[in-house]
Amino acid sequence: MPSGLVALALGGFGIGLTEFLIAGLLPQVASGLMVSEAAAGWLISGYALSVAVGAIALTAATARLPRKQVLLGLVALFVVGNLLSAIAPNYPVMLLGRIVAALCHGSFFGIGSLVARSLVAPEKKSQAVAVMFAGLTVANVLGVPFGALVGERWGWRAAFWAVTAIGVLALAGIAALVPAWAGRARPATATDPVHGRSAAQTGESDPAPPSGLRAQVRAFRSWQVWLTLAATALGYGGMFGAFSYIAYTFTEVSGFAQGDVAWLLMVYGVGLVVGNLVGGRAADRDRDRALVLALSGLTLTLALFGLLAGSATASVVLVFVMGVTGFASVPGMITRVTDYAHGAALAASANVSASNVGNALGAWLGGLAITAGLGYTSPLYVGAGIALLSTVVMVIAARRARTPRVADRAPTS
């Protein structure tokens, strides 16, 4: 794997930390800025809404620009947002910093996934995307404890200064290690990172992805693009329908103490890391089969979790497996949607937006189930139902792919 992927993973790690660390700092931030807990909560929900909007808006606005330069601009935006959070004298400036940092989130992972896959041979594209997303999954494991630890020792502002420094390092790494042509058609003189030969020597070259906004919008004429986006939204919805209320399941059903929740969430986070890497490898072998297996595995895991949540041992095992199966589909979904969109960055960013829509949908439906008096295992069953829908959509997409129409054909390279 080329060194440029390390720089992309570092950027993903910093962005992931920004998203997750605030949960461990919320009481300190609320106290320091003299706002209510509800107002402080907008630093989380406002971030999520900005991710969904920014993923589409910024990708569309930068459609004709070189992708390396766009990535550098996005990371610079991330640095500015976290710097604003670190020095914020009041709540409005803090919220502005969170929104500015969030705007780059979706576009970074959307455009970054195209850049990552362009750096490796075609048969390793899903693994390359998985390496980039490894930064995000590691941040999921470390984000909350990192924020809580740094905030307790040096204050909540220090956590945002640390993330700002990570952003600066990522900016320098991308500038130095990612080639200028990354994310576009590989030039004939570019060296294959696996075989050490140029495209001219091997007789292989990457097709040029659409650059203009109109050309990128035309990619959405493919039913395979829409089916993949739907499967992504439902898959995330299934996982987060259960995950959003998992702390209540642990304490009210499994019998864990409140103090155990932190390490149980780390077990889940380790599962995300494993699922991401395993899913990337599996997708490069047989992508559609790997996606169907991951989604059906998530469905089964959530249903079993609901049945066995009363057992502490089973809960530990199943929350790990939930992380593995929940994130195993991510690298394959991104390469699938961008293949059928012929490399359109807008489709890759739409996939990130779809995942955030799924997060909101799953959390809302899980909350409705609890409000209806169905108990703290009900979000697990709700998640299983949503994941089952995702599996059905993916099976339909896979079958349709066997006899593709002209508009649905993915590049053969």
Protein backbone atom coordinates (compact mmCIF):
# COMPACT_ATOMS: atom_id res chain seq x y z
CA MET A 1 0.00 0.00 0.00
CA PRO A 2 1.45 3.42 -0.99
CA SER A 3 2.39 5.99 1.61
CA GLY A 4 -0.28 8.40 0.36
CA LEU A 5 -2.87 6.13 1.99
CA VAL A 6 -1.24 6.74 5.38
CA ALA A 7 -1.77 10.48 4.94
CA LEU A 8 -5.41 9.90 3.98
CA ALA A 9 -5.90 7.60 6.99
CA LEU A 10 -4.40 10.28 9.26
CA GLY A 11 -6.87 12.80 7.88
CA GLY A 12 -9.69 10.32 8.49
CA PHE A 13 -8.44 9.77 12.03
CA GLY A 14 -8.48 13.50 12.77
CA ILE A 15 -11.96 13.95 11.30
CA GLY A 16 -13.20 10.93 13.25
CA LEU A 17 -11.77 12.34 16.49
CA THR A 18 -13.57 15.63 15.86
CA GLU A 19 -16.86 13.79 15.48
CA PHE A 20 -16.55 11.47 18.48
CA LEU A 21 -14.49 13.26 21.16
CA ILE A 22 -17.17 15.86 21.89
CA ALA A 23 -19.31 13.20 23.61
CA GLY A 24 -16.68 12.83 26.34
CA LEU A 25 -16.26 16.61 26.67
CA LEU A 26 -19.88 17.77 26.62
CA PRO A 27 -20.27 18.49 30.37
CA GLN A 28 -17.02 20.49 30.45
CA VAL A 29 -17.91 22.42 27.29
CA ALA A 30 -21.39 23.24 28.62
CA SER A 31 -19.89 24.46 31.91
CA GLY A 32 -17.06 26.40 30.26
CA LEU A 33 -19.32 28.21 27.80
CA MET A 34 -22.13 28.58 30.37
CA VAL A 35 -24.86 26.90 28.30
CA SER A 36 -27.38 24.18 29.07
CA GLU A 37 -26.79 20.51 28.32
CA ALA A 38 -29.47 20.70 25.61
CA ALA A 39 -27.66 23.60 23.91
CA ALA A 40 -24.36 21.74 24.18
CA GLY A 41 -26.03 18.77 22.50
CA TRP A 42 -26.37 20.85 19.35
CA LEU A 43 -22.59 20.63 19.02
CA ILE A 44 -23.22 16.96 18.17
CA SER A 45 -26.46 17.14 16.18
CA GLY A 46 -25.39 20.32 14.36
CA TYR A 47 -22.22 18.53 13.30
CA ALA A 48 -24.18 15.55 11.93
CA LEU A 49 -26.55 17.78 9.92
CA SER A 50 -23.62 19.74 8.49
CA VAL A 51 -21.94 16.49 7.39
CA ALA A 52 -24.99 15.50 5.36
CA VAL A 53 -25.26 18.94 3.72
CA GLY A 54 -21.54 19.48 3.17
CA ALA A 55 -20.97 16.09 1.55
CA ILE A 56 -23.15 17.02 -1.43
CA ALA A 57 -22.67 20.80 -1.54
CA LEU A 58 -18.86 20.93 -1.40
CA THR A 59 -18.39 17.97 -3.76
CA ALA A 60 -20.70 19.62 -6.30
CA ALA A 61 -18.98 22.99 -5.91
CA THR A 62 -15.51 21.50 -6.50
CA ALA A 63 -16.49 19.09 -9.30
CA ARG A 64 -14.01 20.48 -11.86
CA LEU A 65 -11.06 21.00 -9.52
CA PRO A 66 -8.10 18.58 -9.18
CA ARG A 67 -8.95 16.13 -6.42
CA LYS A 68 -5.68 16.47 -4.53
CA GLN A 69 -6.20 20.23 -4.32
CA VAL A 70 -9.78 19.69 -3.16
CA LEU A 71 -8.57 17.35 -0.40
CA LEU A 72 -6.01 19.91 0.73
CA GLY A 73 -8.72 22.56 0.85
CA LEU A 74 -11.04 20.28 2.82
CA VAL A 75 -8.36 19.47 5.40
CA ALA A 76 -7.54 23.19 5.67
CA LEU A 77 -11.25 23.80 6.39
CA PHE A 78 -11.09 21.07 9.03
CA VAL A 79 -8.08 22.79 10.66
CA VAL A 80 -9.84 26.17 10.69
CA GLY A 81 -13.00 24.66 12.21
CA ASN A 82 -11.13 22.97 15.05
CA LEU A 83 -9.01 26.06 15.63
CA LEU A 84 -12.23 28.06 16.06
CA SER A 85 -13.47 25.47 18.55
CA ALA A 86 -10.20 25.60 20.49
CA ILE A 87 -10.23 29.40 20.89
CA ALA A 88 -14.03 29.92 20.98
CA PRO A 89 -14.84 32.72 23.47
CA ASN A 90 -18.54 31.86 23.46
CA TYR A 91 -21.11 29.29 22.35
CA PRO A 92 -21.95 30.75 18.88
CA VAL A 93 -18.27 30.68 17.85
CA MET A 94 -17.96 27.11 19.18
CA LEU A 95 -21.00 26.02 17.17
CA LEU A 96 -19.61 27.78 14.09
CA GLY A 97 -16.33 25.90 14.51
CA ARG A 98 -18.18 22.58 14.71
CA ILE A 99 -20.17 23.39 11.57
CA VAL A 100 -17.07 24.48 9.61
CA ALA A 101 -15.21 21.30 10.62
CA ALA A 102 -18.22 19.14 9.72
CA LEU A 103 -18.61 20.59 6.23
CA CYS A 104 -15.43 18.83 5.10
CA HIS A 105 -16.34 15.43 6.62
CA GLY A 106 -18.50 13.89 3.91
CA SER A 107 -16.56 15.30 0.97
CA PHE A 108 -13.24 14.19 2.46
CA PHE A 109 -14.33 10.57 2.73
CA GLY A 110 -16.16 10.67 -0.60
CA ILE A 111 -13.36 12.24 -2.65
CA GLY A 112 -10.67 10.58 -0.50
CA SER A 113 -12.07 7.14 -1.33
CA LEU A 114 -11.64 7.87 -5.06
CA VAL A 115 -8.12 9.11 -4.47
CA ALA A 116 -7.30 6.05 -2.35
CA ARG A 117 -8.49 3.54 -4.93
CA SER A 118 -6.59 5.34 -7.70
CA LEU A 119 -3.31 4.79 -5.83
CA VAL A 120 -3.43 0.99 -6.05
CA ALA A 121 -3.99 -1.73 -8.63
CA PRO A 122 -7.70 -2.33 -9.48
CA GLU A 123 -7.80 -5.65 -7.62
CA LYS A 124 -6.92 -3.87 -4.35
CA LYS A 125 -9.29 -0.89 -4.54
CA SER A 126 -11.59 -1.95 -1.69
CA GLN A 127 -8.58 -2.65 0.55
CA ALA A 128 -7.24 0.83 -0.24
CA VAL A 129 -10.58 2.37 0.79
CA ALA A 130 -10.50 0.25 3.96
CA VAL A 131 -7.03 1.59 4.84
CA MET A 132 -8.30 5.16 4.51
CA PHE A 133 -11.36 4.38 6.64
CA ALA A 134 -9.13 2.68 9.23
CA GLY A 135 -8.41 6.15 10.58
CA LEU A 136 -12.13 6.71 11.16
CA THR A 137 -12.66 3.34 12.85
CA VAL A 138 -9.67 3.82 15.16
CA ALA A 139 -11.03 7.26 16.04
CA ASN A 140 -14.32 5.59 16.94
CA VAL A 141 -12.43 3.44 19.47
CA LEU A 142 -10.31 6.26 20.88
CA GLY A 143 -12.46 9.37 20.36
CA VAL A 144 -14.56 9.42 23.53
CA PRO A 145 -11.82 8.23 25.95
CA PHE A 146 -9.28 10.56 24.25
CA GLY A 147 -11.58 13.55 24.73
CA ALA A 148 -12.39 12.63 28.31
CA LEU A 149 -8.72 12.00 29.25
CA VAL A 150 -7.29 15.15 27.64
CA GLY A 151 -10.20 17.26 28.86
CA GLU A 152 -9.81 16.05 32.44
CA ARG A 153 -6.08 16.67 32.53
CA TRP A 154 -5.64 19.84 30.44
CA GLY A 155 -9.15 21.15 29.78
CA TRP A 156 -11.54 20.69 26.87
CA ARG A 157 -9.79 23.26 24.69
CA ALA A 158 -6.62 21.16 24.71
CA ALA A 159 -8.48 18.33 22.95
CA PHE A 160 -9.38 20.62 20.06
CA TRP A 161 -5.81 21.98 19.90
CA ALA A 162 -4.60 18.35 19.61
CA VAL A 163 -7.03 17.62 16.78
CA THR A 164 -5.98 20.85 15.05
CA ALA A 165 -2.35 19.64 15.17
CA ILE A 166 -3.38 16.27 13.69
CA GLY A 167 -5.10 18.17 10.87
CA VAL A 168 -1.92 20.13 10.14
CA LEU A 169 0.07 16.87 9.98
CA ALA A 170 -2.51 15.34 7.64
CA LEU A 171 -2.39 18.45 5.45
CA ALA A 172 1.40 18.18 5.15
CA GLY A 173 1.20 14.43 4.51
CA ILE A 174 -1.35 14.73 1.71
CA ALA A 175 0.62 17.57 0.12
CA ALA A 176 3.85 15.54 0.18
CA LEU A 177 2.69 11.95 -0.41
CA VAL A 178 -0.41 12.02 -2.61
CA PRO A 179 0.45 12.42 -6.32
CA ALA A 180 -1.11 15.29 -8.26
CA TRP A 181 -2.99 12.94 -10.64
CA ALA A 182 -4.60 10.92 -7.81
CA GLY A 183 -8.34 10.46 -8.23
CA ARG A 184 -8.19 11.11 -11.96
CA ALA A 185 -7.19 8.81 -14.79
CA ARG A 186 -3.80 7.25 -14.06
CA PRO A 187 -1.33 8.67 -16.59
CA ALA A 188 0.59 6.21 -18.77
CA THR A 189 3.84 7.18 -17.04
CA ALA A 190 2.53 6.57 -13.50
CA THR A 191 4.10 3.58 -11.77
CA ASP A 192 1.82 0.74 -10.68
CA PRO A 193 2.31 0.58 -6.87
CA VAL A 194 1.99 -3.22 -6.86
CA HIS A 195 3.93 -4.37 -9.93
CA GLY A 196 6.36 -1.47 -10.19
CA ARG A 197 5.55 -0.87 -13.86
CA SER A 198 3.84 2.00 -15.63
CA ALA A 199 0.41 1.77 -17.20
CA ALA A 200 2.06 2.08 -20.61
CA GLN A 201 4.19 -1.01 -19.84
CA THR A 202 1.28 -3.11 -18.56
CA GLY A 203 -1.19 -1.98 -21.21
CA GLU A 204 -3.68 -0.95 -18.51
CA SER A 205 -5.05 2.51 -17.78
CA ASP A 206 -7.85 3.85 -15.65
CA PRO A 207 -10.87 5.41 -17.34
CA ALA A 208 -11.17 9.16 -16.82
CA PRO A 209 -13.95 9.88 -14.27
CA PRO A 210 -16.52 12.59 -15.04
CA SER A 211 -15.26 16.03 -14.04
CA GLY A 212 -18.11 18.45 -14.64
CA LEU A 213 -21.15 18.67 -12.40
CA ARG A 214 -23.54 17.72 -15.20
CA ALA A 215 -21.55 14.61 -16.04
CA GLN A 216 -21.47 13.61 -12.38
CA VAL A 217 -25.23 14.09 -12.01
CA ARG A 218 -25.76 11.86 -15.06
CA ALA A 219 -24.14 9.04 -13.09
CA PHE A 220 -27.30 8.91 -10.97
CA ARG A 221 -29.26 7.57 -13.94
CA SER A 222 -27.94 4.15 -12.98
CA TRP A 223 -30.32 2.05 -10.89
CA GLN A 224 -27.29 0.33 -9.38
CA VAL A 225 -26.16 3.64 -7.90
CA TRP A 226 -29.55 4.16 -6.24
CA LEU A 227 -29.77 0.57 -5.03
CA THR A 228 -26.31 0.85 -3.48
CA LEU A 229 -27.19 4.14 -1.78
CA ALA A 230 -30.38 2.58 -0.42
CA ALA A 231 -28.51 -0.47 0.86
CA THR A 232 -25.94 1.83 2.51
CA ALA A 233 -28.60 3.95 4.26
CA LEU A 234 -30.51 0.89 5.48
CA GLY A 235 -27.35 -0.95 6.57
CA TYR A 236 -26.21 2.02 8.67
CA GLY A 237 -29.77 2.48 9.89
CA GLY A 238 -29.84 -1.09 11.16
CA MET A 239 -26.56 -0.76 13.01
CA PHE A 240 -27.27 2.66 14.53
CA GLY A 241 -30.86 1.82 15.32
CA ALA A 242 -29.38 -0.63 17.80
CA PHE A 243 -26.18 1.23 18.71
CA SER A 244 -27.84 4.53 19.64
CA TYR A 245 -29.46 2.90 22.69
CA ILE A 246 -26.91 0.18 23.41
CA ALA A 247 -25.89 1.77 26.73
CA TYR A 248 -29.44 1.26 28.03
CA THR A 249 -29.38 -2.34 26.82
CA PHE A 250 -26.13 -2.97 28.70
CA THR A 251 -27.24 -1.41 31.97
CA GLU A 252 -30.97 -2.22 32.03
CA VAL A 253 -30.97 -5.68 30.40
CA SER A 254 -27.47 -7.21 30.49
CA GLY A 255 -26.81 -6.16 34.09
CA PHE A 256 -23.64 -4.11 33.57
CA ALA A 257 -22.80 -1.12 35.73
CA GLN A 258 -22.73 2.34 34.22
CA GLY A 259 -18.95 2.36 34.55
CA ASP A 260 -18.69 -0.68 32.26
CA VAL A 261 -20.23 1.07 29.28
CA ALA A 262 -16.98 2.78 28.23
CA TRP A 263 -14.98 -0.45 27.79
CA LEU A 264 -17.95 -2.18 26.16
CA LEU A 265 -18.07 0.60 23.57
CA MET A 266 -14.36 0.07 22.98
CA VAL A 267 -15.08 -3.62 22.29
CA TYR A 268 -17.60 -2.46 19.70
CA GLY A 269 -15.02 -0.05 18.26
CA VAL A 270 -12.43 -2.82 17.90
CA GLY A 271 -15.08 -4.76 15.99
CA LEU A 272 -15.44 -1.80 13.61
CA VAL A 273 -11.69 -1.82 12.92
CA VAL A 274 -11.66 -5.57 12.25
CA GLY A 275 -14.81 -5.43 10.10
CA ASN A 276 -13.43 -2.59 8.00
CA LEU A 277 -10.20 -4.42 7.15
CA VAL A 278 -11.80 -7.85 6.64
CA GLY A 279 -14.59 -6.32 4.56
CA GLY A 280 -12.10 -4.56 2.30
CA ARG A 281 -10.26 -7.81 1.54
CA ALA A 282 -13.48 -9.77 1.01
CA ALA A 283 -14.90 -7.13 -1.33
CA ASP A 284 -11.83 -7.32 -3.56
CA ARG A 285 -12.45 -11.07 -3.98
CA ASP A 286 -16.23 -11.07 -4.61
CA ARG A 287 -17.78 -7.74 -3.75
CA ASP A 288 -21.51 -8.41 -4.07
CA ARG A 289 -21.26 -11.72 -2.22
CA ALA A 290 -19.23 -10.06 0.55
CA LEU A 291 -21.83 -7.29 0.90
CA VAL A 292 -24.76 -9.71 1.09
CA LEU A 293 -22.92 -11.80 3.69
CA ALA A 294 -22.03 -8.73 5.79
CA LEU A 295 -25.58 -7.37 5.80
CA SER A 296 -27.19 -10.74 6.47
CA GLY A 297 -24.61 -11.30 9.23
CA LEU A 298 -25.58 -7.95 10.78
CA THR A 299 -29.27 -8.91 10.63
CA LEU A 300 -28.63 -12.23 12.37
CA THR A 301 -26.32 -10.66 14.97
CA LEU A 302 -28.84 -8.00 15.98
CA ALA A 303 -31.67 -10.53 16.23
CA LEU A 304 -29.51 -12.83 18.41
CA PHE A 305 -28.43 -9.87 20.52
CA GLY A 306 -32.08 -9.09 21.21
CA LEU A 307 -32.72 -12.68 22.29
CA LEU A 308 -29.54 -13.06 24.39
CA ALA A 309 -29.13 -9.54 25.80
CA GLY A 310 -29.87 -10.84 29.29
CA SER A 311 -26.53 -12.67 29.26
CA ALA A 312 -23.53 -10.46 30.03
CA THR A 313 -21.11 -12.84 28.27
CA ALA A 314 -23.23 -13.07 25.14
CA SER A 315 -23.59 -9.28 25.09
CA VAL A 316 -19.81 -8.76 25.03
CA VAL A 317 -19.37 -11.23 22.19
CA LEU A 318 -22.31 -9.94 20.18
CA VAL A 319 -21.45 -6.24 20.48
CA PHE A 320 -18.03 -7.10 18.99
CA VAL A 321 -19.63 -9.11 16.16
CA MET A 322 -22.08 -6.24 15.65
CA GLY A 323 -19.14 -3.92 15.01
CA VAL A 324 -17.51 -6.41 12.63
CA THR A 325 -20.62 -7.07 10.53
CA GLY A 326 -21.82 -3.47 10.74
CA PHE A 327 -18.68 -1.99 9.17
CA ALA A 328 -17.63 -4.87 6.91
CA SER A 329 -19.86 -3.53 4.13
CA VAL A 330 -18.43 0.01 4.11
CA PRO A 331 -15.39 -0.37 1.76
CA GLY A 332 -17.36 -2.50 -0.70
CA MET A 333 -20.33 -0.12 -0.76
CA ILE A 334 -18.09 2.83 -1.60
CA THR A 335 -16.23 1.08 -4.40
CA ARG A 336 -19.53 -0.31 -5.71
CA VAL A 337 -21.31 3.04 -5.91
CA THR A 338 -18.28 4.72 -7.50
CA ASP A 339 -17.82 1.90 -10.02
CA TYR A 340 -21.41 2.17 -11.22
CA ALA A 341 -21.12 5.96 -11.17
CA HIS A 342 -17.94 5.66 -13.29
CA GLY A 343 -15.82 7.42 -10.68
CA ALA A 344 -18.15 10.38 -10.02
CA ALA A 345 -17.08 12.05 -6.77
CA LEU A 346 -20.65 13.23 -6.19
CA ALA A 347 -21.80 9.60 -5.92
CA ALA A 348 -19.06 8.80 -3.39
CA SER A 349 -20.06 11.77 -1.26
CA ALA A 350 -23.75 10.86 -1.65
CA ASN A 351 -22.86 7.49 -0.14
CA VAL A 352 -21.52 9.28 2.97
CA SER A 353 -24.71 11.37 3.13
CA ALA A 354 -26.79 8.19 2.78
CA SER A 355 -25.00 6.68 5.77
CA ASN A 356 -25.81 9.77 7.87
CA VAL A 357 -29.46 9.63 6.79
CA GLY A 358 -29.44 5.97 7.85
CA ASN A 359 -27.96 6.90 11.22
CA ALA A 360 -30.77 9.38 11.86
CA LEU A 361 -33.46 6.99 10.62
CA GLY A 362 -32.25 4.10 12.77
CA ALA A 363 -31.91 6.22 15.91
CA TRP A 364 -35.41 7.70 15.38
CA LEU A 365 -37.09 4.31 14.87
CA GLY A 366 -35.23 2.79 17.82
CA GLY A 367 -36.39 5.67 20.00
CA LEU A 368 -39.99 5.18 18.86
CA ALA A 369 -39.80 1.52 19.89
CA ILE A 370 -38.62 2.43 23.40
CA THR A 371 -41.24 5.19 23.70
CA ALA A 372 -43.91 2.66 22.74
CA GLY A 373 -42.95 0.63 25.81
CA LEU A 374 -41.33 -2.26 23.95
CA GLY A 375 -38.29 -2.32 26.22
CA TYR A 376 -34.56 -1.72 25.83
CA THR A 377 -34.04 -4.74 23.57
CA SER A 378 -36.52 -3.36 21.03
CA PRO A 379 -33.93 -1.18 19.20
CA LEU A 380 -31.99 -4.38 18.50
CA TYR A 381 -35.02 -5.92 16.81
CA VAL A 382 -35.74 -2.66 14.98
CA GLY A 383 -32.13 -2.64 13.77
CA ALA A 384 -32.41 -6.26 12.65
CA GLY A 385 -35.51 -5.40 10.63
CA ILE A 386 -33.82 -2.44 8.92
CA ALA A 387 -30.70 -4.52 8.23
CA LEU A 388 -32.91 -7.23 6.70
CA LEU A 389 -34.33 -4.64 4.30
CA SER A 390 -30.78 -3.64 3.41
CA THR A 391 -29.93 -7.27 2.69
CA VAL A 392 -32.96 -7.62 0.40
CA VAL A 393 -31.98 -4.46 -1.51
CA MET A 394 -28.43 -5.75 -1.90
CA VAL A 395 -29.64 -9.14 -3.17
CA ILE A 396 -31.79 -7.35 -5.76
CA ALA A 397 -28.81 -5.19 -6.79
CA ALA A 398 -26.53 -8.24 -7.07
CA ARG A 399 -29.03 -10.15 -9.20
CA ARG A 400 -29.60 -7.15 -11.43
CA ALA A 401 -25.83 -6.83 -11.84
CA ARG A 402 -25.66 -10.31 -13.39
CA THR A 403 -27.74 -9.11 -16.35
CA PRO A 404 -26.93 -5.39 -16.42
CA ARG A 405 -28.63 -2.83 -18.60
CA VAL A 406 -26.45 -0.33 -20.43
CA ALA A 407 -26.96 2.41 -17.80
CA ASP A 408 -26.11 0.02 -14.98
CA ARG A 409 -22.80 -1.29 -16.27
CA ALA A 410 -19.76 -0.71 -14.12
CA PRO A 411 -16.32 -0.17 -15.67
CA THR A 412 -14.59 -3.46 -16.44
CA SER A 413 -11.13 -2.27 -15.45
